[in-house]
Amino acid sequence: MAAITFSVGDKVVYPGHGVAEVTGLEKREISGNALEFYVLRVLENNVKVMVPKHNAKSVGLRRLVGQEEVEQVYAVLKHRGGKISTATWNRRYREYMEKINTGSLVEIASVLRDLCILRADKELSFGERKMLDTARTLLVQELALAKGEEESAVGAALDEMF
């Protein structure tokens, strides 16, 4: 399994944080071992994150989705009639957080869809509303970059779907 390599200026996705830009590569010595790190700037909040190069794949660092995945995301968002978890809100919250933390845009889309459908039936808890916002933000950011569109246009299109 070959390591994925990124260059300065690449846009990447860091699960749970969203889209980030590779701003540099740094070598640091930790416990006597020389390690190389990707230095990332998370676009949403300008937070600086350092990911060891050898760990990039295991933490889920990946390139932006391509056209095929974009189409899968929209198919997931449009799909209705699936079974929405009837677990208690805290168990559902854990299930949805696991999906968001995978960094998979398709999984995040399913969380957004389910929460939007649920919202039509009942009042969402504070945690669920916050999660809905997180899922929407992660989707809008990456879809806008992948499609070369403005975030506001992508966000409006998502809102229209629900």
Protein backbone atom coordinates (compact mmCIF):
# COMPACT_ATOMS: atom_id res chain seq x y z
CA MET A 1 0.00 0.00 0.00
CA ALA A 2 1.79 3.09 -1.26
CA ALA A 3 1.71 6.29 0.74
CA ILE A 4 -0.20 9.17 -0.77
CA THR A 5 1.93 12.22 -1.30
CA PHE A 6 0.77 15.81 -1.35
CA SER A 7 2.53 18.96 -2.45
CA VAL A 8 2.46 22.47 -1.05
CA GLY A 9 -0.66 24.19 -2.39
CA ASP A 10 -2.72 20.98 -2.68
CA LYS A 11 -6.22 21.03 -1.23
CA VAL A 12 -6.81 17.95 0.91
CA VAL A 13 -9.54 16.67 3.21
CA TYR A 14 -8.73 16.01 6.84
CA PRO A 15 -11.62 13.99 8.36
CA GLY A 16 -13.65 15.85 10.92
CA HIS A 17 -11.96 19.15 10.07
CA GLY A 18 -12.84 19.53 6.40
CA VAL A 19 -10.87 20.94 3.53
CA ALA A 20 -7.33 22.10 4.25
CA GLU A 21 -4.46 23.43 2.19
CA VAL A 22 -1.00 21.93 2.41
CA THR A 23 1.08 24.97 3.36
CA GLY A 24 4.39 23.23 3.93
CA LEU A 25 6.48 20.21 4.82
CA GLU A 26 8.47 20.26 8.03
CA LYS A 27 11.02 17.90 9.52
CA ARG A 28 10.91 17.53 13.29
CA GLU A 29 12.79 15.31 15.65
CA ILE A 30 10.55 13.46 18.08
CA SER A 31 11.99 10.97 20.57
CA GLY A 32 15.19 10.81 18.55
CA ASN A 33 13.36 10.03 15.30
CA ALA A 34 13.40 12.45 12.39
CA LEU A 35 9.82 12.73 11.11
CA GLU A 36 8.41 14.65 8.19
CA PHE A 37 5.06 16.40 8.61
CA TYR A 38 2.51 17.90 6.29
CA VAL A 39 1.59 21.35 7.58
CA LEU A 40 -2.07 22.01 6.86
CA ARG A 41 -4.22 25.11 7.17
CA VAL A 42 -7.88 24.21 7.67
CA LEU A 43 -9.85 26.53 5.37
CA GLU A 44 -12.90 26.78 7.66
CA ASN A 45 -11.07 28.32 10.63
CA ASN A 46 -7.40 28.80 9.61
CA VAL A 47 -6.25 26.29 12.24
CA LYS A 48 -2.77 24.89 11.62
CA VAL A 49 -2.53 21.11 11.79
CA MET A 50 0.56 18.96 11.43
CA VAL A 51 0.14 15.39 10.18
CA PRO A 52 3.10 13.00 10.12
CA LYS A 53 3.69 12.05 6.49
CA HIS A 54 3.82 8.34 7.32
CA ASN A 55 0.43 8.62 9.10
CA ALA A 56 -1.39 10.58 6.40
CA LYS A 57 -3.26 7.58 5.06
CA SER A 58 -4.16 6.12 8.47
CA VAL A 59 -5.69 9.41 9.67
CA GLY A 60 -7.72 9.56 6.47
CA LEU A 61 -5.99 12.48 4.77
CA ARG A 62 -7.14 12.39 1.15
CA ARG A 63 -7.53 14.36 -2.05
CA LEU A 64 -10.77 16.16 -2.91
CA VAL A 65 -13.48 13.97 -4.40
CA GLY A 66 -13.67 13.57 -8.15
CA GLN A 67 -16.69 13.86 -10.44
CA GLU A 68 -17.75 10.25 -9.84
CA GLU A 69 -17.92 10.74 -6.06
CA VAL A 70 -19.72 14.07 -6.52
CA GLU A 71 -22.43 12.20 -8.43
CA GLN A 72 -22.59 9.53 -5.69
CA VAL A 73 -23.03 12.26 -3.06
CA TYR A 74 -25.96 13.78 -4.95
CA ALA A 75 -27.51 10.33 -5.43
CA VAL A 76 -27.30 9.75 -1.66
CA LEU A 77 -28.81 13.17 -0.94
CA LYS A 78 -31.71 12.58 -3.37
CA HIS A 79 -32.45 9.06 -2.08
CA ARG A 80 -35.61 8.91 0.00
CA GLY A 81 -37.35 6.02 1.63
CA GLY A 82 -34.31 4.55 3.36
CA LYS A 83 -34.63 3.56 7.00
CA ILE A 84 -33.55 6.32 9.36
CA SER A 85 -32.12 5.15 12.65
CA THR A 86 -34.80 5.02 15.34
CA ALA A 87 -32.21 4.64 18.09
CA THR A 88 -32.21 7.09 20.96
CA TRP A 89 -30.83 10.50 20.00
CA ASN A 90 -27.49 9.89 21.78
CA ARG A 91 -26.92 6.54 20.04
CA ARG A 92 -27.91 8.14 16.70
CA TYR A 93 -25.52 11.00 17.50
CA ARG A 94 -22.66 8.52 18.00
CA GLU A 95 -23.51 6.68 14.76
CA TYR A 96 -23.60 9.93 12.81
CA MET A 97 -20.36 11.23 14.37
CA GLU A 98 -18.61 8.01 13.35
CA LYS A 99 -19.79 8.58 9.77
CA ILE A 100 -18.64 12.22 9.80
CA ASN A 101 -15.26 11.24 11.21
CA THR A 102 -14.63 8.75 8.40
CA GLY A 103 -14.15 11.78 6.17
CA SER A 104 -16.14 10.03 3.43
CA LEU A 105 -18.26 12.59 1.63
CA VAL A 106 -20.83 9.91 0.80
CA GLU A 107 -21.18 9.02 4.51
CA ILE A 108 -21.42 12.71 5.45
CA ALA A 109 -24.11 13.17 2.80
CA SER A 110 -26.14 10.35 4.36
CA VAL A 111 -25.92 12.08 7.76
CA LEU A 112 -27.10 15.39 6.28
CA ARG A 113 -29.96 13.70 4.42
CA ASP A 114 -31.14 11.74 7.47
CA LEU A 115 -31.01 14.77 9.77
CA CYS A 116 -32.86 16.96 7.25
CA ILE A 117 -35.58 14.31 6.87
CA LEU A 118 -35.75 13.91 10.66
CA ARG A 119 -35.97 17.70 11.06
CA ALA A 120 -39.13 17.71 8.94
CA ASP A 121 -40.79 15.32 11.43
CA LYS A 122 -39.59 16.62 14.78
CA GLU A 123 -37.46 19.18 16.56
CA LEU A 124 -33.78 18.18 16.48
CA SER A 125 -31.78 18.21 19.71
CA PHE A 126 -29.03 20.82 20.09
CA GLY A 127 -26.39 18.17 19.34
CA GLU A 128 -28.23 17.04 16.21
CA ARG A 129 -28.60 20.62 14.95
CA LYS A 130 -24.88 21.20 15.51
CA MET A 131 -24.10 17.95 13.68
CA LEU A 132 -26.38 18.95 10.80
CA ASP A 133 -24.45 22.23 10.52
CA THR A 134 -21.12 20.37 10.60
CA ALA A 135 -22.21 17.88 7.92
CA ARG A 136 -23.58 20.70 5.74
CA THR A 137 -20.39 22.77 6.11
CA LEU A 138 -18.12 19.83 5.26
CA LEU A 139 -20.24 18.94 2.21
CA VAL A 140 -20.58 22.49 0.92
CA GLN A 141 -16.84 23.20 1.25
CA GLU A 142 -15.65 20.14 -0.57
CA LEU A 143 -18.39 20.05 -3.21
CA ALA A 144 -17.79 23.72 -4.05
CA LEU A 145 -14.06 23.11 -4.58
CA ALA A 146 -14.61 19.83 -6.45
CA LYS A 147 -17.18 21.40 -8.78
CA GLY A 148 -15.44 24.76 -9.10
CA GLU A 149 -18.52 26.60 -7.81
CA GLU A 150 -19.16 29.17 -5.12
CA GLU A 151 -19.96 27.77 -1.68
CA SER A 152 -23.12 29.91 -1.52
CA ALA A 153 -24.44 28.33 -4.75
CA VAL A 154 -23.70 24.79 -3.55
CA GLY A 155 -25.27 25.55 -0.15
CA ALA A 156 -28.41 26.98 -1.76
CA ALA A 157 -28.71 23.90 -4.00
CA LEU A 158 -28.41 21.59 -0.96
CA ASP A 159 -30.99 23.61 0.97
CA GLU A 160 -33.41 23.35 -1.98
CA MET A 161 -33.17 19.56 -1.86
CA PHE A 162 -34.68 19.59 1.62
